[in-house]
C-alpha atoms as a PDB file:
ATOM      1  CA  UNK A   1      65.707-170.477 -52.710  1.00  0.00           C
ATOM      2  CA  UNK A   2      62.040-171.228 -53.354  1.00  0.00           C
ATOM      3  CA  UNK A   3      60.783-173.793 -55.793  1.00  0.00           C
ATOM      4  CA  UNK A   4      57.549-173.376 -57.691  1.00  0.00           C
ATOM      5  CA  UNK A   5      55.940-176.499 -59.088  1.00  0.00           C
ATOM      6  CA  UNK A   6      53.705-175.472 -61.950  1.00  0.00           C
ATOM      7  CA  UNK A   7      50.469-177.339 -62.503  1.00  0.00           C
ATOM      8  CA  UNK A   8      49.199-177.685 -66.047  1.00  0.00           C
ATOM      9  CA  UNK A   9      45.430-177.245 -66.292  1.00  0.00           C
ATOM     10  CA  UNK A  10      43.363-179.763 -68.180  1.00  0.00           C
ATOM     11  CA  UNK A  11      40.938-177.111 -69.435  1.00  0.00           C
ATOM     12  CA  UNK A  12      40.595-173.348 -69.609  1.00  0.00           C
ATOM     13  CA  UNK A  13      42.985-170.658 -70.777  1.00  0.00           C
ATOM     14  CA  UNK A  14      46.066-172.434 -69.378  1.00  0.00           C
ATOM     15  CA  UNK A  15      45.345-175.748 -71.111  1.00  0.00           C
ATOM     16  CA  UNK A  16      48.417-175.606 -73.304  1.00  0.00           C
ATOM     17  CA  UNK A  17      51.388-177.972 -73.389  1.00  0.00           C
ATOM     18  CA  UNK A  18      53.718-175.047 -74.023  1.00  0.00           C
ATOM     19  CA  UNK A  19      52.371-172.724 -71.342  1.00  0.00           C
ATOM     20  CA  UNK A  20      52.431-174.033 -67.780  1.00  0.00           C
ATOM     21  CA  UNK A  21      51.353-170.935 -65.905  1.00  0.00           C
ATOM     22  CA  UNK A  22      51.328-167.194 -65.568  1.00  0.00           C
ATOM     23  CA  UNK A  23      53.657-165.383 -63.180  1.00  0.00           C
ATOM     24  CA  UNK A  24      52.943-161.665 -62.884  1.00  0.00           C
ATOM     25  CA  UNK A  25      54.999-158.613 -62.070  1.00  0.00           C
ATOM     26  CA  UNK A  26      53.763-158.584 -58.470  1.00  0.00           C
ATOM     27  CA  UNK A  27      55.738-161.756 -57.820  1.00  0.00           C
ATOM     28  CA  UNK A  28      58.653-161.130 -60.167  1.00  0.00           C
ATOM     29  CA  UNK A  29      59.539-157.780 -58.571  1.00  0.00           C
ATOM     30  CA  UNK A  30      60.095-159.464 -55.202  1.00  0.00           C
ATOM     31  CA  UNK A  31      62.434-162.278 -56.237  1.00  0.00           C
ATOM     32  CA  UNK A  32      65.451-163.000 -58.398  1.00  0.00           C
ATOM     33  CA  UNK A  33      64.096-165.498 -60.892  1.00  0.00           C
ATOM     34  CA  UNK A  34      66.072-168.239 -62.622  1.00  0.00           C
ATOM     35  CA  UNK A  35      64.505-169.903 -65.634  1.00  0.00           C
ATOM     36  CA  UNK A  36      65.833-173.479 -65.656  1.00  0.00           C
ATOM     37  CA  UNK A  37      64.806-174.577 -69.127  1.00  0.00           C
ATOM     38  CA  UNK A  38      66.653-177.900 -68.989  1.00  0.00           C
ATOM     39  CA  UNK A  39      64.457-179.087 -66.098  1.00  0.00           C
ATOM     40  CA  UNK A  40      61.426-176.969 -67.037  1.00  0.00           C
ATOM     41  CA  UNK A  41      61.196-175.075 -63.763  1.00  0.00           C
ATOM     42  CA  UNK A  42      61.469-171.625 -62.215  1.00  0.00           C
ATOM     43  CA  UNK A  43      63.591-170.884 -59.159  1.00  0.00           C
ATOM     44  CA  UNK A  44      62.857-167.879 -56.942  1.00  0.00           C
ATOM     45  CA  UNK A  45      65.614-166.414 -54.782  1.00  0.00           C
ATOM     46  CA  UNK A  46      64.509-164.116 -51.973  1.00  0.00           C
ATOM     47  CA  UNK A  47      65.484-160.431 -52.139  1.00  0.00           C
ATOM     48  CA  UNK A  48      65.012-157.524 -49.724  1.00  0.00           C
ATOM     49  CA  UNK A  49      61.510-157.069 -51.219  1.00  0.00           C
ATOM     50  CA  UNK A  50      60.408-160.706 -50.793  1.00  0.00           C
ATOM     51  CA  UNK A  51      58.510-160.105 -47.549  1.00  0.00           C
ATOM     52  CA  UNK A  52      56.612-157.072 -48.821  1.00  0.00           C
ATOM     53  CA  UNK A  53      52.901-157.400 -49.442  1.00  0.00           C
ATOM     54  CA  UNK A  54      51.789-156.917 -53.024  1.00  0.00           C
ATOM     55  CA  UNK A  55      49.308-154.052 -52.846  1.00  0.00           C
ATOM     56  CA  UNK A  56      47.003-154.040 -55.840  1.00  0.00           C
ATOM     57  CA  UNK A  57      43.869-152.466 -54.394  1.00  0.00           C
ATOM     58  CA  UNK A  58      43.020-150.097 -51.571  1.00  0.00           C
ATOM     59  CA  UNK A  59      39.480-149.220 -52.672  1.00  0.00           C
ATOM     60  CA  UNK A  60      37.620-152.527 -52.685  1.00  0.00           C
ATOM     61  CA  UNK A  61      36.228-151.662 -56.122  1.00  0.00           C
ATOM     62  CA  UNK A  62      36.316-153.485 -59.439  1.00  0.00           C
ATOM     63  CA  UNK A  63      35.961-150.874 -62.163  1.00  0.00           C
ATOM     64  CA  UNK A  64      35.608-151.028 -65.922  1.00  0.00           C
ATOM     65  CA  UNK A  65      36.019-148.078 -68.260  1.00  0.00           C
ATOM     66  CA  UNK A  66      32.595-147.018 -69.498  1.00  0.00           C
ATOM     67  CA  UNK A  67      33.180-144.482 -72.313  1.00  0.00           C
ATOM     68  CA  UNK A  68      29.485-144.082 -73.142  1.00  0.00           C
ATOM     69  CA  UNK A  69      28.764-143.208 -69.516  1.00  0.00           C
ATOM     70  CA  UNK A  70      31.711-140.744 -69.331  1.00  0.00           C
ATOM     71  CA  UNK A  71      33.258-142.575 -66.408  1.00  0.00           C
ATOM     72  CA  UNK A  72      33.954-145.899 -64.767  1.00  0.00           C
ATOM     73  CA  UNK A  73      31.318-148.523 -64.100  1.00  0.00           C
ATOM     74  CA  UNK A  74      31.476-150.151 -60.670  1.00  0.00           C
ATOM     75  CA  UNK A  75      31.355-153.859 -61.509  1.00  0.00           C
ATOM     76  CA  UNK A  76      31.780-155.170 -57.961  1.00  0.00           C
ATOM     77  CA  UNK A  77      32.278-153.871 -54.421  1.00  0.00           C
ATOM     78  CA  UNK A  78      34.141-155.806 -51.706  1.00  0.00           C
ATOM     79  CA  UNK A  79      31.840-156.221 -48.707  1.00  0.00           C
ATOM     80  CA  UNK A  80      33.185-154.173 -45.794  1.00  0.00           C
ATOM     81  CA  UNK A  81      35.821-152.520 -47.982  1.00  0.00           C
ATOM     82  CA  UNK A  82      36.397-148.784 -48.437  1.00  0.00           C
ATOM     83  CA  UNK A  83      34.090-148.587 -51.466  1.00  0.00           C
ATOM     84  CA  UNK A  84      31.231-150.225 -49.566  1.00  0.00           C
ATOM     85  CA  UNK A  85      31.851-147.956 -46.574  1.00  0.00           C
ATOM     86  CA  UNK A  86      31.597-144.936 -48.898  1.00  0.00           C
ATOM     87  CA  UNK A  87      28.214-146.182 -50.134  1.00  0.00           C
ATOM     88  CA  UNK A  88      29.271-147.289 -53.615  1.00  0.00           C
ATOM     89  CA  UNK A  89      27.233-150.064 -55.199  1.00  0.00           C
ATOM     90  CA  UNK A  90      27.503-152.340 -58.199  1.00  0.00           C
ATOM     91  CA  UNK A  91      26.069-150.497 -61.189  1.00  0.00           C
ATOM     92  CA  UNK A  92      27.173-147.038 -60.044  1.00  0.00           C
ATOM     93  CA  UNK A  93      29.270-144.976 -62.451  1.00  0.00           C
ATOM     94  CA  UNK A  94      32.152-142.879 -61.117  1.00  0.00           C
ATOM     95  CA  UNK A  95      32.068-139.618 -63.063  1.00  0.00           C
ATOM     96  CA  UNK A  96      35.051-137.880 -61.433  1.00  0.00           C
ATOM     97  CA  UNK A  97      37.960-138.424 -59.037  1.00  0.00           C
ATOM     98  CA  UNK A  98      38.918-135.331 -57.002  1.00  0.00           C
ATOM     99  CA  UNK A  99      37.370-133.158 -59.702  1.00  0.00           C
ATOM    100  CA  UNK A 100      39.123-134.941 -62.595  1.00  0.00           C
ATOM    101  CA  UNK A 101      36.508-136.008 -65.124  1.00  0.00           C
ATOM    102  CA  UNK A 102      36.269-139.746 -65.740  1.00  0.00           C
ATOM    103  CA  UNK A 103      36.007-139.122 -69.472  1.00  0.00           C
ATOM    104  CA  UNK A 104      39.553-137.691 -69.381  1.00  0.00           C
ATOM    105  CA  UNK A 105      41.079-140.645 -67.485  1.00  0.00           C
ATOM    106  CA  UNK A 106      42.155-144.093 -68.609  1.00  0.00           C
ATOM    107  CA  UNK A 107      41.415-147.175 -66.529  1.00  0.00           C
ATOM    108  CA  UNK A 108      45.119-147.234 -65.580  1.00  0.00           C
ATOM    109  CA  UNK A 109      44.827-143.615 -64.364  1.00  0.00           C
ATOM    110  CA  UNK A 110      41.819-144.498 -62.201  1.00  0.00           C
ATOM    111  CA  UNK A 111      43.551-147.550 -60.723  1.00  0.00           C
ATOM    112  CA  UNK A 112      46.638-145.454 -59.920  1.00  0.00           C
ATOM    113  CA  UNK A 113      44.462-142.943 -58.049  1.00  0.00           C
ATOM    114  CA  UNK A 114      42.889-145.785 -56.072  1.00  0.00           C
ATOM    115  CA  UNK A 115      46.323-147.101 -55.028  1.00  0.00           C
ATOM    116  CA  UNK A 116      47.179-144.051 -52.956  1.00  0.00           C
ATOM    117  CA  UNK A 117      48.557-144.362 -49.447  1.00  0.00           C
ATOM    118  CA  UNK A 118      46.258-145.692 -46.729  1.00  0.00           C
ATOM    119  CA  UNK A 119      44.187-142.825 -45.331  1.00  0.00           C
ATOM    120  CA  UNK A 120      44.095-140.948 -48.649  1.00  0.00           C
ATOM    121  CA  UNK A 121      40.683-139.323 -49.173  1.00  0.00           C
ATOM    122  CA  UNK A 122      39.302-139.242 -52.708  1.00  0.00           C
ATOM    123  CA  UNK A 123      36.221-137.186 -53.515  1.00  0.00           C
ATOM    124  CA  UNK A 124      34.101-138.996 -56.095  1.00  0.00           C
ATOM    125  CA  UNK A 125      31.149-137.796 -58.143  1.00  0.00           C
ATOM    126  CA  UNK A 126      28.938-140.835 -58.708  1.00  0.00           C
ATOM    127  CA  UNK A 127      25.828-141.531 -60.742  1.00  0.00           C
ATOM    128  CA  UNK A 128      23.563-144.299 -59.444  1.00  0.00           C
ATOM    129  CA  UNK A 129      19.915-145.305 -59.365  1.00  0.00           C
ATOM    130  CA  UNK A 130      18.996-142.274 -57.262  1.00  0.00           C
ATOM    131  CA  UNK A 131      20.858-139.794 -59.486  1.00  0.00           C
ATOM    132  CA  UNK A 132      24.197-138.092 -58.963  1.00  0.00           C
ATOM    133  CA  UNK A 133      25.844-137.779 -55.570  1.00  0.00           C
ATOM    134  CA  UNK A 134      29.208-136.970 -54.005  1.00  0.00           C
ATOM    135  CA  UNK A 135      30.982-139.557 -51.858  1.00  0.00           C
ATOM    136  CA  UNK A 136      34.289-139.636 -50.014  1.00  0.00           C
ATOM    137  CA  UNK A 137      36.370-142.767 -50.455  1.00  0.00           C
ATOM    138  CA  UNK A 138      39.055-143.328 -47.790  1.00  0.00           C
ATOM    139  CA  UNK A 139      41.721-145.762 -48.997  1.00  0.00           C
ATOM    140  CA  UNK A 140      43.065-148.516 -46.770  1.00  0.00           C
ATOM    141  CA  UNK A 141      44.722-151.889 -47.107  1.00  0.00           C
ATOM    142  CA  UNK A 142      42.259-154.744 -47.454  1.00  0.00           C
ATOM    143  CA  UNK A 143      42.644-157.666 -45.050  1.00  0.00           C
END
């Protein structure tokens, strides 16, 4: 059994007497959780999934939906990550993923495509400062 002591922030979005933290699905899916209201605590019991890494990104890209640009704006690129290795830069717009137009995809669709298995190759059509170009993104786990 694990114990999580929750710290209440003095400022910011978690500065609330009635909200002591935010526990997401990535953690909840790996433990059996007991909400102990009488002592105001959460207890986490290990399951078979407890030791699994929580994979949330294999591209090294932070994207935002950019409807006016008919694609996804690259907001940030992890140095040394797959996106950087493919030549993507902040400010680029991804117009298509394996031939699927960005204007027909939601942000959730794009993120799902970028969570493929390590080694998955995704052909991207990208618009940047130098015009449009094709790049190959090879997904892998980030260290």
